Amino acid sequence: IYDRYKAPERNKPNLYSWRANNLF
């Protein structure tokens, strides 16, 4: 009923932060 990652923006990596992509 709800897909958290359906929006394409939520599947894109953060180009300016390795921390944002890999840490909780």
mmCIF file of all heavy atoms, coordinates in Angstrom:
data_MODEL
# 
_entry.id   MODEL 
# 
loop_
_atom_site.group_PDB 
_atom_site.id 
_atom_site.type_symbol 
_atom_site.label_atom_id 
_atom_site.label_alt_id 
_atom_site.label_comp_id 
_atom_site.label_asym_id 
_atom_site.label_entity_id 
_atom_site.label_seq_id 
_atom_site.pdbx_PDB_ins_code 
_atom_site.Cartn_x 
_atom_site.Cartn_y 
_atom_site.Cartn_z 
_atom_site.occupancy 
_atom_site.B_iso_or_equiv 
_atom_site.pdbx_formal_charge 
_atom_site.auth_seq_id 
_atom_site.auth_comp_id 
_atom_site.auth_asym_id 
_atom_site.auth_atom_id 
_atom_site.pdbx_PDB_model_num 
ATOM 1   N N   . ILE A 1 1  ? 0.825  -1.223 0.000   1.00 0.00 ? 1  ILE A N   1 
ATOM 2   C CA  . ILE A 1 1  ? 0.000  0.000  0.000   1.00 0.00 ? 1  ILE A CA  1 
ATOM 3   C C   . ILE A 1 1  ? 0.854  1.266  0.000   1.00 0.00 ? 1  ILE A C   1 
ATOM 4   O O   . ILE A 1 1  ? 0.374  2.340  -0.349  1.00 0.00 ? 1  ILE A O   1 
ATOM 5   C CB  . ILE A 1 1  ? -0.972 0.022  1.194   1.00 0.00 ? 1  ILE A CB  1 
ATOM 6   C CG1 . ILE A 1 1  ? -0.199 -0.062 2.520   1.00 0.00 ? 1  ILE A CG1 1 
ATOM 7   C CG2 . ILE A 1 1  ? -1.983 -1.111 1.080   1.00 0.00 ? 1  ILE A CG2 1 
ATOM 8   C CD1 . ILE A 1 1  ? -1.096 0.083  3.743   1.00 0.00 ? 1  ILE A CD1 1 
ATOM 9   N N   . TYR A 1 2  ? 2.137  1.154  0.412   1.00 0.00 ? 2  TYR A N   1 
ATOM 10  C CA  . TYR A 1 2  ? 3.009  2.326  0.390   1.00 0.00 ? 2  TYR A CA  1 
ATOM 11  C C   . TYR A 1 2  ? 4.434  1.884  0.100   1.00 0.00 ? 2  TYR A C   1 
ATOM 12  O O   . TYR A 1 2  ? 4.994  1.063  0.831   1.00 0.00 ? 2  TYR A O   1 
ATOM 13  C CB  . TYR A 1 2  ? 2.962  3.073  1.726   1.00 0.00 ? 2  TYR A CB  1 
ATOM 14  C CG  . TYR A 1 2  ? 3.986  4.189  1.822   1.00 0.00 ? 2  TYR A CG  1 
ATOM 15  C CD1 . TYR A 1 2  ? 3.857  5.332  1.025   1.00 0.00 ? 2  TYR A CD1 1 
ATOM 16  C CD2 . TYR A 1 2  ? 5.077  4.105  2.682   1.00 0.00 ? 2  TYR A CD2 1 
ATOM 17  C CE1 . TYR A 1 2  ? 4.795  6.356  1.092   1.00 0.00 ? 2  TYR A CE1 1 
ATOM 18  C CE2 . TYR A 1 2  ? 6.015  5.124  2.764   1.00 0.00 ? 2  TYR A CE2 1 
ATOM 19  C CZ  . TYR A 1 2  ? 5.860  6.239  1.961   1.00 0.00 ? 2  TYR A CZ  1 
ATOM 20  O OH  . TYR A 1 2  ? 6.782  7.259  2.017   1.00 0.00 ? 2  TYR A OH  1 
ATOM 21  N N   . ASP A 1 3  ? 5.017  2.417  -0.957  1.00 0.00 ? 3  ASP A N   1 
ATOM 22  C CA  . ASP A 1 3  ? 6.395  2.126  -1.337  1.00 0.00 ? 3  ASP A CA  1 
ATOM 23  C C   . ASP A 1 3  ? 7.246  3.356  -1.053  1.00 0.00 ? 3  ASP A C   1 
ATOM 24  O O   . ASP A 1 3  ? 7.141  4.374  -1.735  1.00 0.00 ? 3  ASP A O   1 
ATOM 25  C CB  . ASP A 1 3  ? 6.470  1.752  -2.820  1.00 0.00 ? 3  ASP A CB  1 
ATOM 26  C CG  . ASP A 1 3  ? 7.873  1.316  -3.235  1.00 0.00 ? 3  ASP A CG  1 
ATOM 27  O OD1 . ASP A 1 3  ? 8.794  1.396  -2.392  1.00 0.00 ? 3  ASP A OD1 1 
ATOM 28  O OD2 . ASP A 1 3  ? 8.038  0.896  -4.390  1.00 0.00 ? 3  ASP A OD2 1 
ATOM 29  N N   . ARG A 1 4  ? 8.079  3.247  -0.062  1.00 0.00 ? 4  ARG A N   1 
ATOM 30  C CA  . ARG A 1 4  ? 8.913  4.360  0.374   1.00 0.00 ? 4  ARG A CA  1 
ATOM 31  C C   . ARG A 1 4  ? 9.833  4.859  -0.745  1.00 0.00 ? 4  ARG A C   1 
ATOM 32  O O   . ARG A 1 4  ? 10.144 6.043  -0.835  1.00 0.00 ? 4  ARG A O   1 
ATOM 33  C CB  . ARG A 1 4  ? 9.743  3.900  1.585   1.00 0.00 ? 4  ARG A CB  1 
ATOM 34  C CG  . ARG A 1 4  ? 10.915 4.757  1.963   1.00 0.00 ? 4  ARG A CG  1 
ATOM 35  C CD  . ARG A 1 4  ? 10.500 6.082  2.539   1.00 0.00 ? 4  ARG A CD  1 
ATOM 36  N NE  . ARG A 1 4  ? 11.661 6.842  2.994   1.00 0.00 ? 4  ARG A NE  1 
ATOM 37  C CZ  . ARG A 1 4  ? 11.644 8.144  3.200   1.00 0.00 ? 4  ARG A CZ  1 
ATOM 38  N NH1 . ARG A 1 4  ? 10.539 8.834  2.990   1.00 0.00 ? 4  ARG A NH1 1 
ATOM 39  N NH2 . ARG A 1 4  ? 12.716 8.762  3.627   1.00 0.00 ? 4  ARG A NH2 1 
ATOM 40  N N   . TYR A 1 5  ? 10.260 3.959  -1.638  1.00 0.00 ? 5  TYR A N   1 
ATOM 41  C CA  . TYR A 1 5  ? 11.252 4.318  -2.647  1.00 0.00 ? 5  TYR A CA  1 
ATOM 42  C C   . TYR A 1 5  ? 10.667 4.396  -4.047  1.00 0.00 ? 5  TYR A C   1 
ATOM 43  O O   . TYR A 1 5  ? 11.393 4.307  -5.028  1.00 0.00 ? 5  TYR A O   1 
ATOM 44  C CB  . TYR A 1 5  ? 12.416 3.327  -2.598  1.00 0.00 ? 5  TYR A CB  1 
ATOM 45  C CG  . TYR A 1 5  ? 13.143 3.394  -1.287  1.00 0.00 ? 5  TYR A CG  1 
ATOM 46  C CD1 . TYR A 1 5  ? 12.869 2.478  -0.271  1.00 0.00 ? 5  TYR A CD1 1 
ATOM 47  C CD2 . TYR A 1 5  ? 14.065 4.392  -1.029  1.00 0.00 ? 5  TYR A CD2 1 
ATOM 48  C CE1 . TYR A 1 5  ? 13.516 2.557  0.954   1.00 0.00 ? 5  TYR A CE1 1 
ATOM 49  C CE2 . TYR A 1 5  ? 14.714 4.484  0.179   1.00 0.00 ? 5  TYR A CE2 1 
ATOM 50  C CZ  . TYR A 1 5  ? 14.431 3.566  1.171   1.00 0.00 ? 5  TYR A CZ  1 
ATOM 51  O OH  . TYR A 1 5  ? 15.065 3.659  2.382   1.00 0.00 ? 5  TYR A OH  1 
ATOM 52  N N   . LYS A 1 6  ? 9.369  4.576  -4.124  1.00 0.00 ? 6  LYS A N   1 
ATOM 53  C CA  . LYS A 1 6  ? 8.756  4.714  -5.441  1.00 0.00 ? 6  LYS A CA  1 
ATOM 54  C C   . LYS A 1 6  ? 9.160  6.040  -6.095  1.00 0.00 ? 6  LYS A C   1 
ATOM 55  O O   . LYS A 1 6  ? 9.379  6.109  -7.297  1.00 0.00 ? 6  LYS A O   1 
ATOM 56  C CB  . LYS A 1 6  ? 7.236  4.639  -5.317  1.00 0.00 ? 6  LYS A CB  1 
ATOM 57  C CG  . LYS A 1 6  ? 6.530  4.670  -6.663  1.00 0.00 ? 6  LYS A CG  1 
ATOM 58  C CD  . LYS A 1 6  ? 5.041  4.422  -6.509  1.00 0.00 ? 6  LYS A CD  1 
ATOM 59  C CE  . LYS A 1 6  ? 4.363  4.394  -7.874  1.00 0.00 ? 6  LYS A CE  1 
ATOM 60  N NZ  . LYS A 1 6  ? 2.911  4.111  -7.767  1.00 0.00 ? 6  LYS A NZ  1 
ATOM 61  N N   . ALA A 1 7  ? 9.258  7.102  -5.289  1.00 0.00 ? 7  ALA A N   1 
ATOM 62  C CA  . ALA A 1 7  ? 9.686  8.395  -5.819  1.00 0.00 ? 7  ALA A CA  1 
ATOM 63  C C   . ALA A 1 7  ? 11.140 8.306  -6.257  1.00 0.00 ? 7  ALA A C   1 
ATOM 64  O O   . ALA A 1 7  ? 12.001 7.896  -5.468  1.00 0.00 ? 7  ALA A O   1 
ATOM 65  C CB  . ALA A 1 7  ? 9.517  9.485  -4.759  1.00 0.00 ? 7  ALA A CB  1 
ATOM 66  N N   . PRO A 1 8  ? 11.466 8.664  -7.509  1.00 0.00 ? 8  PRO A N   1 
ATOM 67  C CA  . PRO A 1 8  ? 12.840 8.505  -8.007  1.00 0.00 ? 8  PRO A CA  1 
ATOM 68  C C   . PRO A 1 8  ? 13.874 9.298  -7.224  1.00 0.00 ? 8  PRO A C   1 
ATOM 69  O O   . PRO A 1 8  ? 15.030 8.907  -7.153  1.00 0.00 ? 8  PRO A O   1 
ATOM 70  C CB  . PRO A 1 8  ? 12.749 8.982  -9.463  1.00 0.00 ? 8  PRO A CB  1 
ATOM 71  C CG  . PRO A 1 8  ? 11.473 9.730  -9.581  1.00 0.00 ? 8  PRO A CG  1 
ATOM 72  C CD  . PRO A 1 8  ? 10.553 9.190  -8.531  1.00 0.00 ? 8  PRO A CD  1 
ATOM 73  N N   . GLU A 1 9  ? 13.479 10.443 -6.595  1.00 0.00 ? 9  GLU A N   1 
ATOM 74  C CA  . GLU A 1 9  ? 14.449 11.252 -5.854  1.00 0.00 ? 9  GLU A CA  1 
ATOM 75  C C   . GLU A 1 9  ? 15.050 10.471 -4.687  1.00 0.00 ? 9  GLU A C   1 
ATOM 76  O O   . GLU A 1 9  ? 16.178 10.708 -4.278  1.00 0.00 ? 9  GLU A O   1 
ATOM 77  C CB  . GLU A 1 9  ? 13.788 12.530 -5.307  1.00 0.00 ? 9  GLU A CB  1 
ATOM 78  C CG  . GLU A 1 9  ? 12.998 13.343 -6.318  1.00 0.00 ? 9  GLU A CG  1 
ATOM 79  C CD  . GLU A 1 9  ? 11.586 12.822 -6.531  1.00 0.00 ? 9  GLU A CD  1 
ATOM 80  O OE1 . GLU A 1 9  ? 10.845 12.637 -5.551  1.00 0.00 ? 9  GLU A OE1 1 
ATOM 81  O OE2 . GLU A 1 9  ? 11.248 12.578 -7.701  1.00 0.00 ? 9  GLU A OE2 1 
ATOM 82  N N   . ARG A 1 10 ? 14.272 9.523  -4.115  1.00 0.00 ? 10 ARG A N   1 
ATOM 83  C CA  . ARG A 1 10 ? 14.748 8.796  -2.945  1.00 0.00 ? 10 ARG A CA  1 
ATOM 84  C C   . ARG A 1 10 ? 15.716 7.683  -3.316  1.00 0.00 ? 10 ARG A C   1 
ATOM 85  O O   . ARG A 1 10 ? 16.305 7.064  -2.443  1.00 0.00 ? 10 ARG A O   1 
ATOM 86  C CB  . ARG A 1 10 ? 13.558 8.214  -2.180  1.00 0.00 ? 10 ARG A CB  1 
ATOM 87  C CG  . ARG A 1 10 ? 12.715 9.295  -1.524  1.00 0.00 ? 10 ARG A CG  1 
ATOM 88  C CD  . ARG A 1 10 ? 11.540 8.724  -0.786  1.00 0.00 ? 10 ARG A CD  1 
ATOM 89  N NE  . ARG A 1 10 ? 10.757 9.793  -0.192  1.00 0.00 ? 10 ARG A NE  1 
ATOM 90  C CZ  . ARG A 1 10 ? 9.445  9.766  -0.026  1.00 0.00 ? 10 ARG A CZ  1 
ATOM 91  N NH1 . ARG A 1 10 ? 8.770  8.704  -0.424  1.00 0.00 ? 10 ARG A NH1 1 
ATOM 92  N NH2 . ARG A 1 10 ? 8.814  10.766 0.520   1.00 0.00 ? 10 ARG A NH2 1 
ATOM 93  N N   . ASN A 1 11 ? 15.852 7.411  -4.601  1.00 0.00 ? 11 ASN A N   1 
ATOM 94  C CA  . ASN A 1 11 ? 16.802 6.395  -5.048  1.00 0.00 ? 11 ASN A CA  1 
ATOM 95  C C   . ASN A 1 11 ? 18.102 6.995  -5.553  1.00 0.00 ? 11 ASN A C   1 
ATOM 96  O O   . ASN A 1 11 ? 19.029 6.265  -5.893  1.00 0.00 ? 11 ASN A O   1 
ATOM 97  C CB  . ASN A 1 11 ? 16.174 5.542  -6.160  1.00 0.00 ? 11 ASN A CB  1 
ATOM 98  C CG  . ASN A 1 11 ? 15.084 4.644  -5.621  1.00 0.00 ? 11 ASN A CG  1 
ATOM 99  O OD1 . ASN A 1 11 ? 15.280 3.938  -4.645  1.00 0.00 ? 11 ASN A OD1 1 
ATOM 100 N ND2 . ASN A 1 11 ? 13.925 4.683  -6.252  1.00 0.00 ? 11 ASN A ND2 1 
ATOM 101 N N   . LYS A 1 12 ? 18.183 8.333  -5.613  1.00 0.00 ? 12 LYS A N   1 
ATOM 102 C CA  . LYS A 1 12 ? 19.379 8.986  -6.119  1.00 0.00 ? 12 LYS A CA  1 
ATOM 103 C C   . LYS A 1 12 ? 20.398 9.170  -5.002  1.00 0.00 ? 12 LYS A C   1 
ATOM 104 O O   . LYS A 1 12 ? 20.043 9.524  -3.876  1.00 0.00 ? 12 LYS A O   1 
ATOM 105 C CB  . LYS A 1 12 ? 19.035 10.354 -6.717  1.00 0.00 ? 12 LYS A CB  1 
ATOM 106 C CG  . LYS A 1 12 ? 18.168 10.281 -7.965  1.00 0.00 ? 12 LYS A CG  1 
ATOM 107 C CD  . LYS A 1 12 ? 17.864 11.671 -8.484  1.00 0.00 ? 12 LYS A CD  1 
ATOM 108 C CE  . LYS A 1 12 ? 16.999 11.619 -9.751  1.00 0.00 ? 12 LYS A CE  1 
ATOM 109 N NZ  . LYS A 1 12 ? 16.668 12.966 -10.238 1.00 0.00 ? 12 LYS A NZ  1 
ATOM 110 N N   . PRO A 1 13 ? 21.701 8.939  -5.280  1.00 0.00 ? 13 PRO A N   1 
ATOM 111 C CA  . PRO A 1 13 ? 22.727 9.179  -4.253  1.00 0.00 ? 13 PRO A CA  1 
ATOM 112 C C   . PRO A 1 13 ? 22.944 10.673 -4.046  1.00 0.00 ? 13 PRO A C   1 
ATOM 113 O O   . PRO A 1 13 ? 22.713 11.478 -4.943  1.00 0.00 ? 13 PRO A O   1 
ATOM 114 C CB  . PRO A 1 13 ? 23.970 8.518  -4.850  1.00 0.00 ? 13 PRO A CB  1 
ATOM 115 C CG  . PRO A 1 13 ? 23.756 8.583  -6.332  1.00 0.00 ? 13 PRO A CG  1 
ATOM 116 C CD  . PRO A 1 13 ? 22.268 8.420  -6.533  1.00 0.00 ? 13 PRO A CD  1 
ATOM 117 N N   . ASN A 1 14 ? 23.370 11.036 -2.863  1.00 0.00 ? 14 ASN A N   1 
ATOM 118 C CA  . ASN A 1 14 ? 23.752 12.404 -2.558  1.00 0.00 ? 14 ASN A CA  1 
ATOM 119 C C   . ASN A 1 14 ? 25.156 12.634 -3.115  1.00 0.00 ? 14 ASN A C   1 
ATOM 120 O O   . ASN A 1 14 ? 26.124 12.015 -2.660  1.00 0.00 ? 14 ASN A O   1 
ATOM 121 C CB  . ASN A 1 14 ? 23.724 12.630 -1.042  1.00 0.00 ? 14 ASN A CB  1 
ATOM 122 C CG  . ASN A 1 14 ? 23.930 14.092 -0.682  1.00 0.00 ? 14 ASN A CG  1 
ATOM 123 O OD1 . ASN A 1 14 ? 24.694 14.802 -1.326  1.00 0.00 ? 14 ASN A OD1 1 
ATOM 124 N ND2 . ASN A 1 14 ? 23.248 14.534 0.355   1.00 0.00 ? 14 ASN A ND2 1 
ATOM 125 N N   . LEU A 1 15 ? 25.286 13.513 -4.103  1.00 0.00 ? 15 LEU A N   1 
ATOM 126 C CA  . LEU A 1 15 ? 26.568 13.708 -4.789  1.00 0.00 ? 15 LEU A CA  1 
ATOM 127 C C   . LEU A 1 15 ? 27.601 14.409 -3.927  1.00 0.00 ? 15 LEU A C   1 
ATOM 128 O O   . LEU A 1 15 ? 28.782 14.446 -4.276  1.00 0.00 ? 15 LEU A O   1 
ATOM 129 C CB  . LEU A 1 15 ? 26.351 14.496 -6.075  1.00 0.00 ? 15 LEU A CB  1 
ATOM 130 C CG  . LEU A 1 15 ? 25.398 13.880 -7.110  1.00 0.00 ? 15 LEU A CG  1 
ATOM 131 C CD1 . LEU A 1 15 ? 25.378 14.737 -8.358  1.00 0.00 ? 15 LEU A CD1 1 
ATOM 132 C CD2 . LEU A 1 15 ? 25.797 12.459 -7.441  1.00 0.00 ? 15 LEU A CD2 1 
ATOM 133 N N   . TYR A 1 16 ? 27.183 14.984 -2.807  1.00 0.00 ? 16 TYR A N   1 
ATOM 134 C CA  . TYR A 1 16 ? 28.097 15.782 -2.007  1.00 0.00 ? 16 TYR A CA  1 
ATOM 135 C C   . TYR A 1 16 ? 28.347 15.206 -0.620  1.00 0.00 ? 16 TYR A C   1 
ATOM 136 O O   . TYR A 1 16 ? 28.984 15.851 0.203   1.00 0.00 ? 16 TYR A O   1 
ATOM 137 C CB  . TYR A 1 16 ? 27.550 17.216 -1.869  1.00 0.00 ? 16 TYR A CB  1 
ATOM 138 C CG  . TYR A 1 16 ? 27.322 17.856 -3.214  1.00 0.00 ? 16 TYR A CG  1 
ATOM 139 C CD1 . TYR A 1 16 ? 26.038 17.947 -3.751  1.00 0.00 ? 16 TYR A CD1 1 
ATOM 140 C CD2 . TYR A 1 16 ? 28.389 18.338 -3.963  1.00 0.00 ? 16 TYR A CD2 1 
ATOM 141 C CE1 . TYR A 1 16 ? 25.835 18.502 -5.000  1.00 0.00 ? 16 TYR A CE1 1 
ATOM 142 C CE2 . TYR A 1 16 ? 28.190 18.889 -5.211  1.00 0.00 ? 16 TYR A CE2 1 
ATOM 143 C CZ  . TYR A 1 16 ? 26.914 18.979 -5.720  1.00 0.00 ? 16 TYR A CZ  1 
ATOM 144 O OH  . TYR A 1 16 ? 26.713 19.518 -6.957  1.00 0.00 ? 16 TYR A OH  1 
ATOM 145 N N   . SER A 1 17 ? 27.839 14.003 -0.355  1.00 0.00 ? 17 SER A N   1 
ATOM 146 C CA  . SER A 1 17 ? 28.028 13.456 0.980   1.00 0.00 ? 17 SER A CA  1 
ATOM 147 C C   . SER A 1 17 ? 28.091 11.927 0.951   1.00 0.00 ? 17 SER A C   1 
ATOM 148 O O   . SER A 1 17 ? 27.071 11.279 0.735   1.00 0.00 ? 17 SER A O   1 
ATOM 149 C CB  . SER A 1 17 ? 26.894 13.916 1.910   1.00 0.00 ? 17 SER A CB  1 
ATOM 150 O OG  . SER A 1 17 ? 26.982 13.283 3.165   1.00 0.00 ? 17 SER A OG  1 
ATOM 151 N N   . TRP A 1 18 ? 29.283 11.389 1.177   1.00 0.00 ? 18 TRP A N   1 
ATOM 152 C CA  . TRP A 1 18 ? 29.416 9.935  1.334   1.00 0.00 ? 18 TRP A CA  1 
ATOM 153 C C   . TRP A 1 18 ? 28.693 9.488  2.587   1.00 0.00 ? 18 TRP A C   1 
ATOM 154 O O   . TRP A 1 18 ? 28.074 8.435  2.626   1.00 0.00 ? 18 TRP A O   1 
ATOM 155 C CB  . TRP A 1 18 ? 30.895 9.589  1.437   1.00 0.00 ? 18 TRP A CB  1 
ATOM 156 C CG  . TRP A 1 18 ? 31.158 8.122  1.628   1.00 0.00 ? 18 TRP A CG  1 
ATOM 157 C CD1 . TRP A 1 18 ? 31.360 7.191  0.654   1.00 0.00 ? 18 TRP A CD1 1 
ATOM 158 C CD2 . TRP A 1 18 ? 31.258 7.422  2.874   1.00 0.00 ? 18 TRP A CD2 1 
ATOM 159 N NE1 . TRP A 1 18 ? 31.561 5.943  1.208   1.00 0.00 ? 18 TRP A NE1 1 
ATOM 160 C CE2 . TRP A 1 18 ? 31.504 6.056  2.572   1.00 0.00 ? 18 TRP A CE2 1 
ATOM 161 C CE3 . TRP A 1 18 ? 31.146 7.797  4.213   1.00 0.00 ? 18 TRP A CE3 1 
ATOM 162 C CZ2 . TRP A 1 18 ? 31.651 5.091  3.559   1.00 0.00 ? 18 TRP A CZ2 1 
ATOM 163 C CZ3 . TRP A 1 18 ? 31.293 6.839  5.199   1.00 0.00 ? 18 TRP A CZ3 1 
ATOM 164 C CH2 . TRP A 1 18 ? 31.553 5.505  4.868   1.00 0.00 ? 18 TRP A CH2 1 
ATOM 165 N N   . ARG A 1 19 ? 28.718 10.309 3.643   1.00 0.00 ? 19 ARG A N   1 
ATOM 166 C CA  . ARG A 1 19 ? 28.076 9.985  4.920   1.00 0.00 ? 19 ARG A CA  1 
ATOM 167 C C   . ARG A 1 19 ? 26.571 9.815  4.759   1.00 0.00 ? 19 ARG A C   1 
ATOM 168 O O   . ARG A 1 19 ? 25.976 8.892  5.295   1.00 0.00 ? 19 ARG A O   1 
ATOM 169 C CB  . ARG A 1 19 ? 28.392 11.088 5.934   1.00 0.00 ? 19 ARG A CB  1 
ATOM 170 C CG  . ARG A 1 19 ? 27.841 10.836 7.334   1.00 0.00 ? 19 ARG A CG  1 
ATOM 171 C CD  . ARG A 1 19 ? 28.123 12.025 8.251   1.00 0.00 ? 19 ARG A CD  1 
ATOM 172 N NE  . ARG A 1 19 ? 27.645 11.770 9.594   1.00 0.00 ? 19 ARG A NE  1 
ATOM 173 C CZ  . ARG A 1 19 ? 28.339 11.160 10.532  1.00 0.00 ? 19 ARG A CZ  1 
ATOM 174 N NH1 . ARG A 1 19 ? 29.568 10.740 10.256  1.00 0.00 ? 19 ARG A NH1 1 
ATOM 175 N NH2 . ARG A 1 19 ? 27.843 10.954 11.724  1.00 0.00 ? 19 ARG A NH2 1 
ATOM 176 N N   . ALA A 1 20 ? 25.960 10.726 3.976   1.00 0.00 ? 20 ALA A N   1 
ATOM 177 C CA  . ALA A 1 20 ? 24.506 10.657 3.785   1.00 0.00 ? 20 ALA A CA  1 
ATOM 178 C C   . ALA A 1 20 ? 24.095 9.386  3.048   1.00 0.00 ? 20 ALA A C   1 
ATOM 179 O O   . ALA A 1 20 ? 22.998 8.870  3.255   1.00 0.00 ? 20 ALA A O   1 
ATOM 180 C CB  . ALA A 1 20 ? 24.025 11.884 3.019   1.00 0.00 ? 20 ALA A CB  1 
ATOM 181 N N   . ASN A 1 21 ? 24.971 8.870  2.200   1.00 0.00 ? 21 ASN A N   1 
ATOM 182 C CA  . ASN A 1 21 ? 24.646 7.668  1.425   1.00 0.00 ? 21 ASN A CA  1 
ATOM 183 C C   . ASN A 1 21 ? 24.877 6.373  2.196   1.00 0.00 ? 21 ASN A C   1 
ATOM 184 O O   . ASN A 1 21 ? 24.278 5.348  1.866   1.00 0.00 ? 21 ASN A O   1 
ATOM 185 C CB  . ASN A 1 21 ? 25.485 7.629  0.144   1.00 0.00 ? 21 ASN A CB  1 
ATOM 186 C CG  . ASN A 1 21 ? 25.118 8.735  -0.817  1.00 0.00 ? 21 ASN A CG  1 
ATOM 187 O OD1 . ASN A 1 21 ? 23.956 9.082  -0.951  1.00 0.00 ? 21 ASN A OD1 1 
ATOM 188 N ND2 . ASN A 1 21 ? 26.112 9.294  -1.475  1.00 0.00 ? 21 ASN A ND2 1 
ATOM 189 N N   . ASN A 1 22 ? 25.748 6.392  3.199   1.00 0.00 ? 22 ASN A N   1 
ATOM 190 C CA  . ASN A 1 22 ? 26.185 5.141  3.808   1.00 0.00 ? 22 ASN A CA  1 
ATOM 191 C C   . ASN A 1 22 ? 25.866 4.984  5.288   1.00 0.00 ? 22 ASN A C   1 
ATOM 192 O O   . ASN A 1 22 ? 25.922 3.864  5.799   1.00 0.00 ? 22 ASN A O   1 
ATOM 193 C CB  . ASN A 1 22 ? 27.697 4.978  3.614   1.00 0.00 ? 22 ASN A CB  1 
ATOM 194 C CG  . ASN A 1 22 ? 28.070 4.745  2.171   1.00 0.00 ? 22 ASN A CG  1 
ATOM 195 O OD1 . ASN A 1 22 ? 28.067 3.627  1.682   1.00 0.00 ? 22 ASN A OD1 1 
ATOM 196 N ND2 . ASN A 1 22 ? 28.389 5.825  1.464   1.00 0.00 ? 22 ASN A ND2 1 
ATOM 197 N N   . LEU A 1 23 ? 25.547 6.059  5.990   1.00 0.00 ? 23 LEU A N   1 
ATOM 198 C CA  . LEU A 1 23 ? 25.279 5.961  7.419   1.00 0.00 ? 23 LEU A CA  1 
ATOM 199 C C   . LEU A 1 23 ? 23.794 6.138  7.719   1.00 0.00 ? 23 LEU A C   1 
ATOM 200 O O   . LEU A 1 23 ? 23.034 6.699  6.939   1.00 0.00 ? 23 LEU A O   1 
ATOM 201 C CB  . LEU A 1 23 ? 26.100 7.017  8.183   1.00 0.00 ? 23 LEU A CB  1 
ATOM 202 C CG  . LEU A 1 23 ? 27.620 6.882  8.051   1.00 0.00 ? 23 LEU A CG  1 
ATOM 203 C CD1 . LEU A 1 23 ? 28.313 7.930  8.901   1.00 0.00 ? 23 LEU A CD1 1 
ATOM 204 C CD2 . LEU A 1 23 ? 28.095 5.484  8.432   1.00 0.00 ? 23 LEU A CD2 1 
ATOM 205 N N   . PHE A 1 24 ? 23.391 5.620  8.875   1.00 0.00 ? 24 PHE A N   1 
ATOM 206 C CA  . PHE A 1 24 ? 21.992 5.657  9.286   1.00 0.00 ? 24 PHE A CA  1 
ATOM 207 C C   . PHE A 1 24 ? 21.515 7.083  9.529   1.00 0.00 ? 24 PHE A C   1 
ATOM 208 O O   . PHE A 1 24 ? 22.217 7.904  10.114  1.00 0.00 ? 24 PHE A O   1 
ATOM 209 C CB  . PHE A 1 24 ? 21.809 4.833  10.563  1.00 0.00 ? 24 PHE A CB  1 
ATOM 210 C CG  . PHE A 1 24 ? 20.452 5.002  11.182  1.00 0.00 ? 24 PHE A CG  1 
ATOM 211 C CD1 . PHE A 1 24 ? 19.339 4.393  10.614  1.00 0.00 ? 24 PHE A CD1 1 
ATOM 212 C CD2 . PHE A 1 24 ? 20.286 5.778  12.319  1.00 0.00 ? 24 PHE A CD2 1 
ATOM 213 C CE1 . PHE A 1 24 ? 18.077 4.550  11.174  1.00 0.00 ? 24 PHE A CE1 1 
ATOM 214 C CE2 . PHE A 1 24 ? 19.035 5.935  12.885  1.00 0.00 ? 24 PHE A CE2 1 
ATOM 215 C CZ  . PHE A 1 24 ? 17.930 5.317  12.311  1.00 0.00 ? 24 PHE A CZ  1 
# 
